[in-house]
Amino acid sequence: MDNLVLEHAGETSEDFLMYTSTFCPYCVAAKRLFASKGLSYREINFDQHRGMQRTVVKETGHRTVPVILDLRGEQPMFIGGFDETNRYLA
């Protein structure tokens, strides 16, 4: 991870950082998963921040949404998308 993702992670006290898009069923599923586990998240919607997705893809290597990071440890940890997060929290 590089500057932008780490900057966003440092700006929140939530449990997770999640990059989303407006019409994304996996993003909705991730929000429901976090709610069911009592976990908080900061959402940044790519549709409201043109050009940001290209930077996040470059920094994480993850091309689809959601892009999810666990912020509960010492350093932000990139998890992946919904499927990876679902397994991670199982």
C-alpha atoms as a PDB file:
ATOM      1  CA  MET A   1       0.000   0.000   0.000  1.00  0.00           C
ATOM      2  CA  ASP A   2       1.093   3.505  -0.687  1.00  0.00           C
ATOM      3  CA  ASN A   3       0.235   7.035   0.281  1.00  0.00           C
ATOM      4  CA  LEU A   4      -3.472   7.506  -0.522  1.00  0.00           C
ATOM      5  CA  VAL A   5      -4.754   4.302   1.075  1.00  0.00           C
ATOM      6  CA  LEU A   6      -2.583   4.801   4.161  1.00  0.00           C
ATOM      7  CA  GLU A   7      -3.741   8.414   4.383  1.00  0.00           C
ATOM      8  CA  HIS A   8      -7.395   7.343   4.319  1.00  0.00           C
ATOM      9  CA  ALA A   9      -6.707   4.621   6.892  1.00  0.00           C
ATOM     10  CA  GLY A  10      -5.081   7.161   9.203  1.00  0.00           C
ATOM     11  CA  GLU A  11      -8.059   9.514   8.985  1.00  0.00           C
ATOM     12  CA  THR A  12     -10.561   7.166  10.655  1.00  0.00           C
ATOM     13  CA  SER A  13     -11.018   5.338  13.919  1.00  0.00           C
ATOM     14  CA  GLU A  14     -13.337   2.756  12.348  1.00  0.00           C
ATOM     15  CA  ASP A  15     -12.563  -0.987  12.294  1.00  0.00           C
ATOM     16  CA  PHE A  16     -12.377  -1.219   8.494  1.00  0.00           C
ATOM     17  CA  LEU A  17     -11.845   0.966   5.444  1.00  0.00           C
ATOM     18  CA  MET A  18     -13.963   0.052   2.436  1.00  0.00           C
ATOM     19  CA  TYR A  19     -13.830   1.514  -1.067  1.00  0.00           C
ATOM     20  CA  THR A  20     -17.121   1.008  -2.901  1.00  0.00           C
ATOM     21  CA  SER A  21     -19.181   2.014  -5.927  1.00  0.00           C
ATOM     22  CA  THR A  22     -22.849   2.940  -5.998  1.00  0.00           C
ATOM     23  CA  PHE A  23     -24.382  -0.085  -7.755  1.00  0.00           C
ATOM     24  CA  CYS A  24     -22.354  -2.883  -6.211  1.00  0.00           C
ATOM     25  CA  PRO A  25     -24.147  -5.879  -4.635  1.00  0.00           C
ATOM     26  CA  TYR A  26     -20.900  -7.096  -3.057  1.00  0.00           C
ATOM     27  CA  CYS A  27     -20.473  -3.716  -1.364  1.00  0.00           C
ATOM     28  CA  VAL A  28     -23.970  -4.027   0.110  1.00  0.00           C
ATOM     29  CA  ALA A  29     -23.163  -7.576   1.235  1.00  0.00           C
ATOM     30  CA  ALA A  30     -19.957  -6.348   2.925  1.00  0.00           C
ATOM     31  CA  LYS A  31     -21.894  -3.643   4.791  1.00  0.00           C
ATOM     32  CA  ARG A  32     -24.380  -6.271   5.995  1.00  0.00           C
ATOM     33  CA  LEU A  33     -21.518  -8.543   7.055  1.00  0.00           C
ATOM     34  CA  PHE A  34     -19.919  -5.766   9.115  1.00  0.00           C
ATOM     35  CA  ALA A  35     -23.294  -4.904  10.697  1.00  0.00           C
ATOM     36  CA  SER A  36     -23.921  -8.555  11.609  1.00  0.00           C
ATOM     37  CA  LYS A  37     -20.536  -8.689  13.362  1.00  0.00           C
ATOM     38  CA  GLY A  38     -20.920  -5.312  15.096  1.00  0.00           C
ATOM     39  CA  LEU A  39     -17.949  -3.874  13.212  1.00  0.00           C
ATOM     40  CA  SER A  40     -17.620  -0.285  12.035  1.00  0.00           C
ATOM     41  CA  TYR A  41     -16.284   0.909   8.688  1.00  0.00           C
ATOM     42  CA  ARG A  42     -15.471   4.045   6.773  1.00  0.00           C
ATOM     43  CA  GLU A  43     -16.839   3.977   3.244  1.00  0.00           C
ATOM     44  CA  ILE A  44     -15.287   5.881   0.370  1.00  0.00           C
ATOM     45  CA  ASN A  45     -17.381   5.694  -2.801  1.00  0.00           C
ATOM     46  CA  PHE A  46     -15.354   5.816  -6.016  1.00  0.00           C
ATOM     47  CA  ASP A  47     -18.349   7.305  -7.859  1.00  0.00           C
ATOM     48  CA  GLN A  48     -18.002  10.438  -5.728  1.00  0.00           C
ATOM     49  CA  HIS A  49     -14.228  10.667  -6.201  1.00  0.00           C
ATOM     50  CA  ARG A  50     -13.346  10.452  -9.887  1.00  0.00           C
ATOM     51  CA  GLY A  51      -9.893   9.098 -10.598  1.00  0.00           C
ATOM     52  CA  MET A  52      -9.388   7.690  -7.102  1.00  0.00           C
ATOM     53  CA  GLN A  53     -10.085   4.102  -8.146  1.00  0.00           C
ATOM     54  CA  ARG A  54      -7.080   4.089 -10.467  1.00  0.00           C
ATOM     55  CA  THR A  55      -4.832   5.130  -7.574  1.00  0.00           C
ATOM     56  CA  VAL A  56      -6.302   2.563  -5.163  1.00  0.00           C
ATOM     57  CA  VAL A  57      -5.927  -0.212  -7.760  1.00  0.00           C
ATOM     58  CA  LYS A  58      -2.296   0.808  -8.263  1.00  0.00           C
ATOM     59  CA  GLU A  59      -1.666   0.772  -4.506  1.00  0.00           C
ATOM     60  CA  THR A  60      -3.515  -2.465  -3.643  1.00  0.00           C
ATOM     61  CA  GLY A  61      -3.537  -4.430  -6.895  1.00  0.00           C
ATOM     62  CA  HIS A  62      -7.275  -5.081  -6.355  1.00  0.00           C
ATOM     63  CA  ARG A  63      -9.305  -4.129  -9.440  1.00  0.00           C
ATOM     64  CA  THR A  64     -12.901  -4.712  -8.287  1.00  0.00           C
ATOM     65  CA  VAL A  65     -15.070  -3.266  -5.523  1.00  0.00           C
ATOM     66  CA  PRO A  66     -15.279  -3.446  -2.655  1.00  0.00           C
ATOM     67  CA  VAL A  67     -11.659  -2.943  -1.633  1.00  0.00           C
ATOM     68  CA  ILE A  68     -11.454  -3.673   2.104  1.00  0.00           C
ATOM     69  CA  LEU A  69      -8.749  -3.070   4.691  1.00  0.00           C
ATOM     70  CA  ASP A  70      -8.681  -4.104   8.351  1.00  0.00           C
ATOM     71  CA  LEU A  71      -7.657  -1.125  10.483  1.00  0.00           C
ATOM     72  CA  ARG A  72      -7.791  -2.831  13.883  1.00  0.00           C
ATOM     73  CA  GLY A  73      -4.102  -3.759  14.101  1.00  0.00           C
ATOM     74  CA  GLU A  74      -0.874  -1.800  14.296  1.00  0.00           C
ATOM     75  CA  GLN A  75      -0.816  -1.351  10.505  1.00  0.00           C
ATOM     76  CA  PRO A  76      -3.703  -1.318   8.006  1.00  0.00           C
ATOM     77  CA  MET A  77      -4.030  -4.771   6.436  1.00  0.00           C
ATOM     78  CA  PHE A  78      -5.407  -5.242   2.934  1.00  0.00           C
ATOM     79  CA  ILE A  79      -7.959  -8.072   2.896  1.00  0.00           C
ATOM     80  CA  GLY A  80      -9.457  -7.971  -0.608  1.00  0.00           C
ATOM     81  CA  GLY A  81     -13.097  -7.922  -1.660  1.00  0.00           C
ATOM     82  CA  PHE A  82     -16.274  -9.321  -0.138  1.00  0.00           C
ATOM     83  CA  ASP A  83     -15.446 -13.017  -0.539  1.00  0.00           C
ATOM     84  CA  GLU A  84     -12.044 -12.623   1.116  1.00  0.00           C
ATOM     85  CA  THR A  85     -13.543 -10.517   3.909  1.00  0.00           C
ATOM     86  CA  ASN A  86     -16.320 -13.051   4.501  1.00  0.00           C
ATOM     87  CA  ARG A  87     -13.728 -15.817   4.910  1.00  0.00           C
ATOM     88  CA  TYR A  88     -11.461 -13.558   6.983  1.00  0.00           C
ATOM     89  CA  LEU A  89     -14.247 -12.805   9.486  1.00  0.00           C
ATOM     90  CA  ALA A  90     -15.651 -16.352   9.612  1.00  0.00           C
END
